[in-house]
PDB file of all heavy atoms in Angstrom:
ATOM      1  N   GLY A   1     -15.706  16.517   1.400  1.00  0.00           N
ATOM      2  CA  GLY A   1     -16.511  17.674   1.766  1.00  0.00           C
ATOM      3  C   GLY A   1     -15.901  18.614   2.777  1.00  0.00           C
ATOM      4  O   GLY A   1     -16.578  19.530   3.269  1.00  0.00           O
ATOM      5  N   MET A   2     -14.619  18.440   3.115  1.00  0.00           N
ATOM      6  CA  MET A   2     -14.016  19.269   4.160  1.00  0.00           C
ATOM      7  C   MET A   2     -13.968  20.741   3.767  1.00  0.00           C
ATOM      8  O   MET A   2     -13.556  21.083   2.663  1.00  0.00           O
ATOM      9  CB  MET A   2     -12.619  18.741   4.508  1.00  0.00           C
ATOM     10  CG  MET A   2     -12.655  17.477   5.358  1.00  0.00           C
ATOM     11  SD  MET A   2     -11.010  16.836   5.756  1.00  0.00           S
ATOM     12  CE  MET A   2     -10.875  15.511   4.547  1.00  0.00           C
ATOM     13  N   ILE A   3     -14.410  21.597   4.688  1.00  0.00           N
ATOM     14  CA  ILE A   3     -14.499  23.041   4.443  1.00  0.00           C
ATOM     15  C   ILE A   3     -13.177  23.714   4.803  1.00  0.00           C
ATOM     16  O   ILE A   3     -12.586  23.439   5.851  1.00  0.00           O
ATOM     17  CB  ILE A   3     -15.639  23.667   5.278  1.00  0.00           C
ATOM     18  CG1 ILE A   3     -16.960  22.906   5.043  1.00  0.00           C
ATOM     19  CG2 ILE A   3     -15.802  25.142   4.925  1.00  0.00           C
ATOM     20  CD1 ILE A   3     -17.442  22.887   3.611  1.00  0.00           C
ATOM     21  N   LEU A   4     -12.725  24.609   3.924  1.00  0.00           N
ATOM     22  CA  LEU A   4     -11.481  25.344   4.142  1.00  0.00           C
ATOM     23  C   LEU A   4     -11.769  26.718   4.739  1.00  0.00           C
ATOM     24  O   LEU A   4     -12.786  27.348   4.411  1.00  0.00           O
ATOM     25  CB  LEU A   4     -10.727  25.522   2.827  1.00  0.00           C
ATOM     26  CG  LEU A   4     -10.258  24.251   2.110  1.00  0.00           C
ATOM     27  CD1 LEU A   4      -9.608  24.618   0.786  1.00  0.00           C
ATOM     28  CD2 LEU A   4      -9.310  23.440   2.971  1.00  0.00           C
ATOM     29  N   PRO A   5     -10.872  27.236   5.586  1.00  0.00           N
ATOM     30  CA  PRO A   5     -11.028  28.594   6.128  1.00  0.00           C
ATOM     31  C   PRO A   5     -10.687  29.632   5.059  1.00  0.00           C
ATOM     32  O   PRO A   5      -9.551  29.698   4.587  1.00  0.00           O
ATOM     33  CB  PRO A   5     -10.023  28.630   7.288  1.00  0.00           C
ATOM     34  CG  PRO A   5      -8.986  27.610   6.930  1.00  0.00           C
ATOM     35  CD  PRO A   5      -9.686  26.540   6.143  1.00  0.00           C
ATOM     36  N   SER A   6     -11.658  30.414   4.679  1.00  0.00           N
ATOM     37  CA  SER A   6     -11.451  31.361   3.577  1.00  0.00           C
ATOM     38  C   SER A   6     -10.341  32.361   3.894  1.00  0.00           C
ATOM     39  O   SER A   6      -9.581  32.759   3.002  1.00  0.00           O
ATOM     40  CB  SER A   6     -12.752  32.102   3.258  1.00  0.00           C
ATOM     41  OG  SER A   6     -13.224  32.809   4.391  1.00  0.00           O
ATOM     42  N   HIS A   7     -10.213  32.771   5.150  1.00  0.00           N
ATOM     43  CA  HIS A   7      -9.219  33.792   5.487  1.00  0.00           C
ATOM     44  C   HIS A   7      -7.781  33.281   5.347  1.00  0.00           C
ATOM     45  O   HIS A   7      -6.858  34.073   5.245  1.00  0.00           O
ATOM     46  CB  HIS A   7      -9.457  34.335   6.901  1.00  0.00           C
ATOM     47  CG  HIS A   7      -9.326  33.325   8.002  1.00  0.00           C
ATOM     48  ND1 HIS A   7     -10.306  32.403   8.276  1.00  0.00           N
ATOM     49  CD2 HIS A   7      -8.321  33.097   8.898  1.00  0.00           C
ATOM     50  CE1 HIS A   7      -9.924  31.656   9.317  1.00  0.00           C
ATOM     51  NE2 HIS A   7      -8.725  32.046   9.696  1.00  0.00           N
ATOM     52  N   GLN A   8      -7.606  31.961   5.318  1.00  0.00           N
ATOM     53  CA  GLN A   8      -6.265  31.405   5.113  1.00  0.00           C
ATOM     54  C   GLN A   8      -5.934  31.180   3.642  1.00  0.00           C
ATOM     55  O   GLN A   8      -4.766  31.203   3.259  1.00  0.00           O
ATOM     56  CB  GLN A   8      -6.134  30.074   5.857  1.00  0.00           C
ATOM     57  CG  GLN A   8      -5.668  30.183   7.296  1.00  0.00           C
ATOM     58  CD  GLN A   8      -5.109  28.859   7.794  1.00  0.00           C
ATOM     59  OE1 GLN A   8      -5.700  27.803   7.601  1.00  0.00           O
ATOM     60  NE2 GLN A   8      -3.962  28.925   8.451  1.00  0.00           N
ATOM     61  N   PHE A   9      -6.969  30.945   2.826  1.00  0.00           N
ATOM     62  CA  PHE A   9      -6.711  30.513   1.446  1.00  0.00           C
ATOM     63  C   PHE A   9      -7.113  31.523   0.375  1.00  0.00           C
ATOM     64  O   PHE A   9      -6.845  31.302  -0.803  1.00  0.00           O
ATOM     65  CB  PHE A   9      -7.448  29.188   1.183  1.00  0.00           C
ATOM     66  CG  PHE A   9      -6.817  28.001   1.861  1.00  0.00           C
ATOM     67  CD1 PHE A   9      -7.244  27.590   3.115  1.00  0.00           C
ATOM     68  CD2 PHE A   9      -5.790  27.296   1.250  1.00  0.00           C
ATOM     69  CE1 PHE A   9      -6.669  26.500   3.754  1.00  0.00           C
ATOM     70  CE2 PHE A   9      -5.204  26.201   1.877  1.00  0.00           C
ATOM     71  CZ  PHE A   9      -5.647  25.803   3.134  1.00  0.00           C
ATOM     72  N   THR A  10      -7.740  32.630   0.751  1.00  0.00           N
ATOM     73  CA  THR A  10      -8.207  33.596  -0.242  1.00  0.00           C
ATOM     74  C   THR A  10      -7.094  34.050  -1.182  1.00  0.00           C
ATOM     75  O   THR A  10      -7.294  34.177  -2.405  1.00  0.00           O
ATOM     76  CB  THR A  10      -8.832  34.827   0.446  1.00  0.00           C
ATOM     77  OG1 THR A  10      -9.997  34.415   1.172  1.00  0.00           O
ATOM     78  CG2 THR A  10      -9.239  35.880  -0.584  1.00  0.00           C
ATOM     79  N   ASP A  11      -5.920  34.302  -0.646  1.00  0.00           N
ATOM     80  CA  ASP A  11      -4.810  34.797  -1.464  1.00  0.00           C
ATOM     81  C   ASP A  11      -4.139  33.693  -2.281  1.00  0.00           C
ATOM     82  O   ASP A  11      -3.188  33.968  -3.032  1.00  0.00           O
ATOM     83  CB  ASP A  11      -3.763  35.464  -0.577  1.00  0.00           C
ATOM     84  CG  ASP A  11      -4.273  36.749   0.062  1.00  0.00           C
ATOM     85  OD1 ASP A  11      -5.228  37.332  -0.495  1.00  0.00           O
ATOM     86  OD2 ASP A  11      -3.738  37.147   1.114  1.00  0.00           O
ATOM     87  N   TYR A  12      -4.631  32.463  -2.133  1.00  0.00           N
ATOM     88  CA  TYR A  12      -4.021  31.332  -2.844  1.00  0.00           C
ATOM     89  C   TYR A  12      -5.074  30.557  -3.643  1.00  0.00           C
ATOM     90  O   TYR A  12      -4.965  29.364  -3.846  1.00  0.00           O
ATOM     91  CB  TYR A  12      -3.318  30.407  -1.840  1.00  0.00           C
ATOM     92  CG  TYR A  12      -2.198  31.107  -1.123  1.00  0.00           C
ATOM     93  CD1 TYR A  12      -2.427  31.768   0.084  1.00  0.00           C
ATOM     94  CD2 TYR A  12      -0.915  31.150  -1.672  1.00  0.00           C
ATOM     95  CE1 TYR A  12      -1.401  32.434   0.738  1.00  0.00           C
ATOM     96  CE2 TYR A  12       0.119  31.813  -1.022  1.00  0.00           C
ATOM     97  CZ  TYR A  12      -0.138  32.456   0.179  1.00  0.00           C
ATOM     98  OH  TYR A  12       0.881  33.120   0.811  1.00  0.00           O
ATOM     99  N   ASN A  13      -6.067  31.290  -4.104  1.00  0.00           N
ATOM    100  CA  ASN A  13      -7.138  30.696  -4.897  1.00  0.00           C
ATOM    101  C   ASN A  13      -6.807  30.825  -6.385  1.00  0.00           C
ATOM    102  O   ASN A  13      -7.447  31.558  -7.133  1.00  0.00           O
ATOM    103  CB  ASN A  13      -8.473  31.380  -4.590  1.00  0.00           C
ATOM    104  CG  ASN A  13      -9.635  30.732  -5.311  1.00  0.00           C
ATOM    105  OD1 ASN A  13      -9.512  29.614  -5.825  1.00  0.00           O
ATOM    106  ND2 ASN A  13     -10.770  31.417  -5.353  1.00  0.00           N
ATOM    107  N   GLY A  14      -5.752  30.133  -6.792  1.00  0.00           N
ATOM    108  CA  GLY A  14      -5.311  30.222  -8.180  1.00  0.00           C
ATOM    109  C   GLY A  14      -4.148  29.292  -8.434  1.00  0.00           C
ATOM    110  O   GLY A  14      -3.962  28.284  -7.741  1.00  0.00           O
ATOM    111  N   ALA A  15      -3.334  29.644  -9.408  1.00  0.00           N
ATOM    112  CA  ALA A  15      -2.202  28.803  -9.785  1.00  0.00           C
ATOM    113  C   ALA A  15      -1.179  28.675  -8.663  1.00  0.00           C
ATOM    114  O   ALA A  15      -0.345  27.771  -8.675  1.00  0.00           O
ATOM    115  CB  ALA A  15      -1.534  29.374 -11.038  1.00  0.00           C
ATOM    116  N   ASN A  16      -1.257  29.575  -7.682  1.00  0.00           N
ATOM    117  CA  ASN A  16      -0.329  29.533  -6.547  1.00  0.00           C
ATOM    118  C   ASN A  16      -0.877  28.708  -5.385  1.00  0.00           C
ATOM    119  O   ASN A  16      -0.349  28.776  -4.264  1.00  0.00           O
ATOM    120  CB  ASN A  16      -0.013  30.953  -6.063  1.00  0.00           C
ATOM    121  CG  ASN A  16      -1.251  31.682  -5.532  1.00  0.00           C
ATOM    122  OD1 ASN A  16      -2.379  31.273  -5.795  1.00  0.00           O
ATOM    123  ND2 ASN A  16      -1.029  32.762  -4.795  1.00  0.00           N
ATOM    124  N   ALA A  17      -1.908  27.927  -5.618  1.00  0.00           N
ATOM    125  CA  ALA A  17      -2.582  27.200  -4.543  1.00  0.00           C
ATOM    126  C   ALA A  17      -1.633  26.332  -3.726  1.00  0.00           C
ATOM    127  O   ALA A  17      -1.765  26.223  -2.503  1.00  0.00           O
ATOM    128  CB  ALA A  17      -3.712  26.327  -5.119  1.00  0.00           C
ATOM    129  N   ARG A  18      -0.674  25.727  -4.379  1.00  0.00           N
ATOM    130  CA  ARG A  18       0.229  24.809  -3.663  1.00  0.00           C
ATOM    131  C   ARG A  18       1.298  25.549  -2.859  1.00  0.00           C
ATOM    132  O   ARG A  18       2.043  24.922  -2.114  1.00  0.00           O
ATOM    133  CB  ARG A  18       0.879  23.824  -4.642  1.00  0.00           C
ATOM    134  CG  ARG A  18      -0.097  22.779  -5.141  1.00  0.00           C
ATOM    135  CD  ARG A  18       0.533  21.688  -5.950  1.00  0.00           C
ATOM    136  NE  ARG A  18      -0.453  20.665  -6.271  1.00  0.00           N
ATOM    137  CZ  ARG A  18      -0.729  19.606  -5.509  1.00  0.00           C
ATOM    138  NH1 ARG A  18      -0.053  19.420  -4.387  1.00  0.00           N
ATOM    139  NH2 ARG A  18      -1.645  18.735  -5.854  1.00  0.00           N
ATOM    140  N   GLN A  19       1.342  26.857  -2.996  1.00  0.00           N
ATOM    141  CA  GLN A  19       2.304  27.630  -2.207  1.00  0.00           C
ATOM    142  C   GLN A  19       1.702  28.140  -0.899  1.00  0.00           C
ATOM    143  O   GLN A  19       2.394  28.783  -0.097  1.00  0.00           O
ATOM    144  CB  GLN A  19       2.814  28.833  -3.020  1.00  0.00           C
ATOM    145  CG  GLN A  19       3.930  28.488  -4.002  1.00  0.00           C
ATOM    146  CD  GLN A  19       3.438  27.673  -5.179  1.00  0.00           C
ATOM    147  OE1 GLN A  19       2.572  28.112  -5.917  1.00  0.00           O
ATOM    148  NE2 GLN A  19       4.003  26.488  -5.361  1.00  0.00           N
ATOM    149  N   ALA A  20       0.430  27.862  -0.659  1.00  0.00           N
ATOM    150  CA  ALA A  20      -0.232  28.375   0.540  1.00  0.00           C
ATOM    151  C   ALA A  20       0.386  27.787   1.807  1.00  0.00           C
ATOM    152  O   ALA A  20       0.472  26.566   1.951  1.00  0.00           O
ATOM    153  CB  ALA A  20      -1.725  28.051   0.497  1.00  0.00           C
ATOM    154  N   PRO A  21       0.827  28.612   2.752  1.00  0.00           N
ATOM    155  CA  PRO A  21       1.348  28.099   4.026  1.00  0.00           C
ATOM    156  C   PRO A  21       0.336  27.225   4.750  1.00  0.00           C
ATOM    157  O   PRO A  21       0.711  26.290   5.471  1.00  0.00           O
ATOM    158  CB  PRO A  21       1.648  29.381   4.819  1.00  0.00           C
ATOM    159  CG  PRO A  21       1.876  30.433   3.777  1.00  0.00           C
ATOM    160  CD  PRO A  21       0.924  30.085   2.665  1.00  0.00           C
ATOM    161  N   ALA A  22      -0.958  27.513   4.536  1.00  0.00           N
ATOM    162  CA  ALA A  22      -2.009  26.759   5.222  1.00  0.00           C
ATOM    163  C   ALA A  22      -2.101  25.310   4.746  1.00  0.00           C
ATOM    164  O   ALA A  22      -2.744  24.484   5.408  1.00  0.00           O
ATOM    165  CB  ALA A  22      -3.361  27.446   5.034  1.00  0.00           C
ATOM    166  N   ASN A  23      -1.480  24.986   3.627  1.00  0.00           N
ATOM    167  CA  ASN A  23      -1.433  23.583   3.201  1.00  0.00           C
ATOM    168  C   ASN A  23      -0.664  22.729   4.209  1.00  0.00           C
ATOM    169  O   ASN A  23      -0.844  21.512   4.275  1.00  0.00           O
ATOM    170  CB  ASN A  23      -0.765  23.449   1.831  1.00  0.00           C
ATOM    171  CG  ASN A  23      -1.595  24.044   0.716  1.00  0.00           C
ATOM    172  OD1 ASN A  23      -2.812  24.133   0.815  1.00  0.00           O
ATOM    173  ND2 ASN A  23      -0.932  24.475  -0.352  1.00  0.00           N
ATOM    174  N   GLN A  24       0.216  23.378   4.957  1.00  0.00           N
ATOM    175  CA  GLN A  24       1.025  22.693   5.955  1.00  0.00           C
ATOM    176  C   GLN A  24       0.518  22.937   7.377  1.00  0.00           C
ATOM    177  O   GLN A  24       0.831  22.154   8.280  1.00  0.00           O
ATOM    178  CB  GLN A  24       2.489  23.152   5.860  1.00  0.00           C
ATOM    179  CG  GLN A  24       3.075  23.118   4.460  1.00  0.00           C
ATOM    180  CD  GLN A  24       3.110  21.726   3.863  1.00  0.00           C
ATOM    181  OE1 GLN A  24       3.330  20.746   4.563  1.00  0.00           O
ATOM    182  NE2 GLN A  24       2.872  21.635   2.561  1.00  0.00           N
ATOM    183  N   SER A  25      -0.239  23.992   7.572  1.00  0.00           N
ATOM    184  CA  SER A  25      -0.714  24.310   8.930  1.00  0.00           C
ATOM    185  C   SER A  25      -2.097  24.950   8.890  1.00  0.00           C
ATOM    186  O   SER A  25      -2.253  26.130   9.221  1.00  0.00           O
ATOM    187  CB  SER A  25       0.279  25.232   9.642  1.00  0.00           C
ATOM    188  OG  SER A  25       0.473  26.417   8.870  1.00  0.00           O
ATOM    189  N   PRO A  26      -3.116  24.194   8.460  1.00  0.00           N
ATOM    190  CA  PRO A  26      -4.456  24.771   8.385  1.00  0.00           C
ATOM    191  C   PRO A  26      -5.060  24.982   9.773  1.00  0.00           C
ATOM    192  O   PRO A  26      -4.772  24.228  10.712  1.00  0.00           O
ATOM    193  CB  PRO A  26      -5.234  23.694   7.622  1.00  0.00           C
ATOM    194  CG  PRO A  26      -4.552  22.408   8.001  1.00  0.00           C
ATOM    195  CD  PRO A  26      -3.091  22.777   8.105  1.00  0.00           C
ATOM    196  N   VAL A  27      -5.852  26.031   9.896  1.00  0.00           N
ATOM    197  CA  VAL A  27      -6.695  26.144  11.086  1.00  0.00           C
ATOM    198  C   VAL A  27      -7.984  25.402  10.762  1.00  0.00           C
ATOM    199  O   VAL A  27      -8.401  25.328   9.602  1.00  0.00           O
ATOM    200  CB  VAL A  27      -6.980  27.609  11.476  1.00  0.00           C
ATOM    201  CG1 VAL A  27      -5.687  28.330  11.796  1.00  0.00           C
ATOM    202  CG2 VAL A  27      -7.746  28.344  10.381  1.00  0.00           C
ATOM    203  N   GLY A  28      -8.615  24.832  11.772  1.00  0.00           N
ATOM    204  CA  GLY A  28      -9.801  24.029  11.520  1.00  0.00           C
ATOM    205  C   GLY A  28     -10.872  24.248  12.566  1.00  0.00           C
ATOM    206  O   GLY A  28     -10.671  24.953  13.565  1.00  0.00           O
ATOM    207  N   THR A  29     -12.006  23.623  12.334  1.00  0.00           N
ATOM    208  CA  THR A  29     -13.101  23.643  13.306  1.00  0.00           C
ATOM    209  C   THR A  29     -13.168  22.336  14.073  1.00  0.00           C
ATOM    210  O   THR A  29     -13.990  22.175  14.976  1.00  0.00           O
ATOM    211  CB  THR A  29     -14.449  23.851  12.586  1.00  0.00           C
ATOM    212  OG1 THR A  29     -14.578  22.846  11.559  1.00  0.00           O
ATOM    213  CG2 THR A  29     -14.539  25.231  11.956  1.00  0.00           C
ATOM    214  N   GLY A  30     -12.306  21.384  13.715  1.00  0.00           N
ATOM    215  CA  GLY A  30     -12.338  20.060  14.319  1.00  0.00           C
ATOM    216  C   GLY A  30     -11.781  20.029  15.737  1.00  0.00           C
ATOM    217  O   GLY A  30     -11.333  21.047  16.275  1.00  0.00           O
ATOM    218  N   PRO A  31     -11.770  18.863  16.353  1.00  0.00           N
ATOM    219  CA  PRO A  31     -11.431  18.743  17.775  1.00  0.00           C
ATOM    220  C   PRO A  31      -9.983  19.065  18.137  1.00  0.00           C
ATOM    221  O   PRO A  31      -9.712  19.500  19.258  1.00  0.00           O
ATOM    222  CB  PRO A  31     -11.761  17.282  18.094  1.00  0.00           C
ATOM    223  CG  PRO A  31     -11.707  16.573  16.780  1.00  0.00           C
ATOM    224  CD  PRO A  31     -12.188  17.566  15.776  1.00  0.00           C
ATOM    225  N   TYR A  32      -9.057  18.855  17.205  1.00  0.00           N
ATOM    226  CA  TYR A  32      -7.650  19.105  17.509  1.00  0.00           C
ATOM    227  C   TYR A  32      -7.046  20.002  16.426  1.00  0.00           C
ATOM    228  O   TYR A  32      -7.450  19.947  15.266  1.00  0.00           O
ATOM    229  CB  TYR A  32      -6.875  17.794  17.614  1.00  0.00           C
ATOM    230  CG  TYR A  32      -7.346  16.920  18.769  1.00  0.00           C
ATOM    231  CD1 TYR A  32      -8.350  15.974  18.583  1.00  0.00           C
ATOM    232  CD2 TYR A  32      -6.795  17.065  20.036  1.00  0.00           C
ATOM    233  CE1 TYR A  32      -8.802  15.180  19.641  1.00  0.00           C
ATOM    234  CE2 TYR A  32      -7.226  16.277  21.102  1.00  0.00           C
ATOM    235  CZ  TYR A  32      -8.235  15.339  20.899  1.00  0.00           C
ATOM    236  OH  TYR A  32      -8.671  14.569  21.947  1.00  0.00           O
TER     237      TYR A  32
END
Protein backbone atom coordinates (compact mmCIF):
# COMPACT_ATOMS: atom_id res chain seq x y z
CA GLY A 1 0.00 0.00 0.00
CA MET A 2 2.94 2.41 -0.11
CA ILE A 3 2.01 5.76 -1.68
CA LEU A 4 4.24 7.26 -4.38
CA PRO A 5 4.91 11.01 -4.80
CA SER A 6 3.07 11.97 -7.97
CA HIS A 7 5.44 14.84 -8.76
CA GLN A 8 8.35 12.39 -9.03
CA PHE A 9 6.64 9.69 -11.09
CA THR A 10 4.12 11.48 -13.33
CA ASP A 11 6.51 11.52 -16.29
CA TYR A 12 7.24 7.81 -15.82
CA ASN A 13 3.72 6.44 -15.70
CA GLY A 14 4.14 4.10 -18.65
CA ALA A 15 6.55 1.77 -20.40
CA ASN A 16 9.41 3.98 -19.17
CA ALA A 17 8.54 3.31 -15.51
CA ARG A 18 11.82 1.55 -14.78
CA GLN A 19 13.81 4.51 -16.05
CA ALA A 20 12.49 6.85 -13.35
CA PRO A 21 15.34 8.37 -11.28
CA ALA A 22 13.00 8.20 -8.29
CA ASN A 23 13.23 4.39 -8.36
CA GLN A 24 16.69 4.93 -6.88
CA SER A 25 16.03 8.05 -4.80
CA PRO A 26 12.36 8.47 -3.88
CA VAL A 27 11.18 11.27 -1.66
CA GLY A 28 8.89 10.02 1.08
CA THR A 29 6.68 10.95 3.98
CA GLY A 30 8.35 8.44 6.30
CA PRO A 31 10.76 9.14 9.17
CA TYR A 32 14.01 8.97 7.20
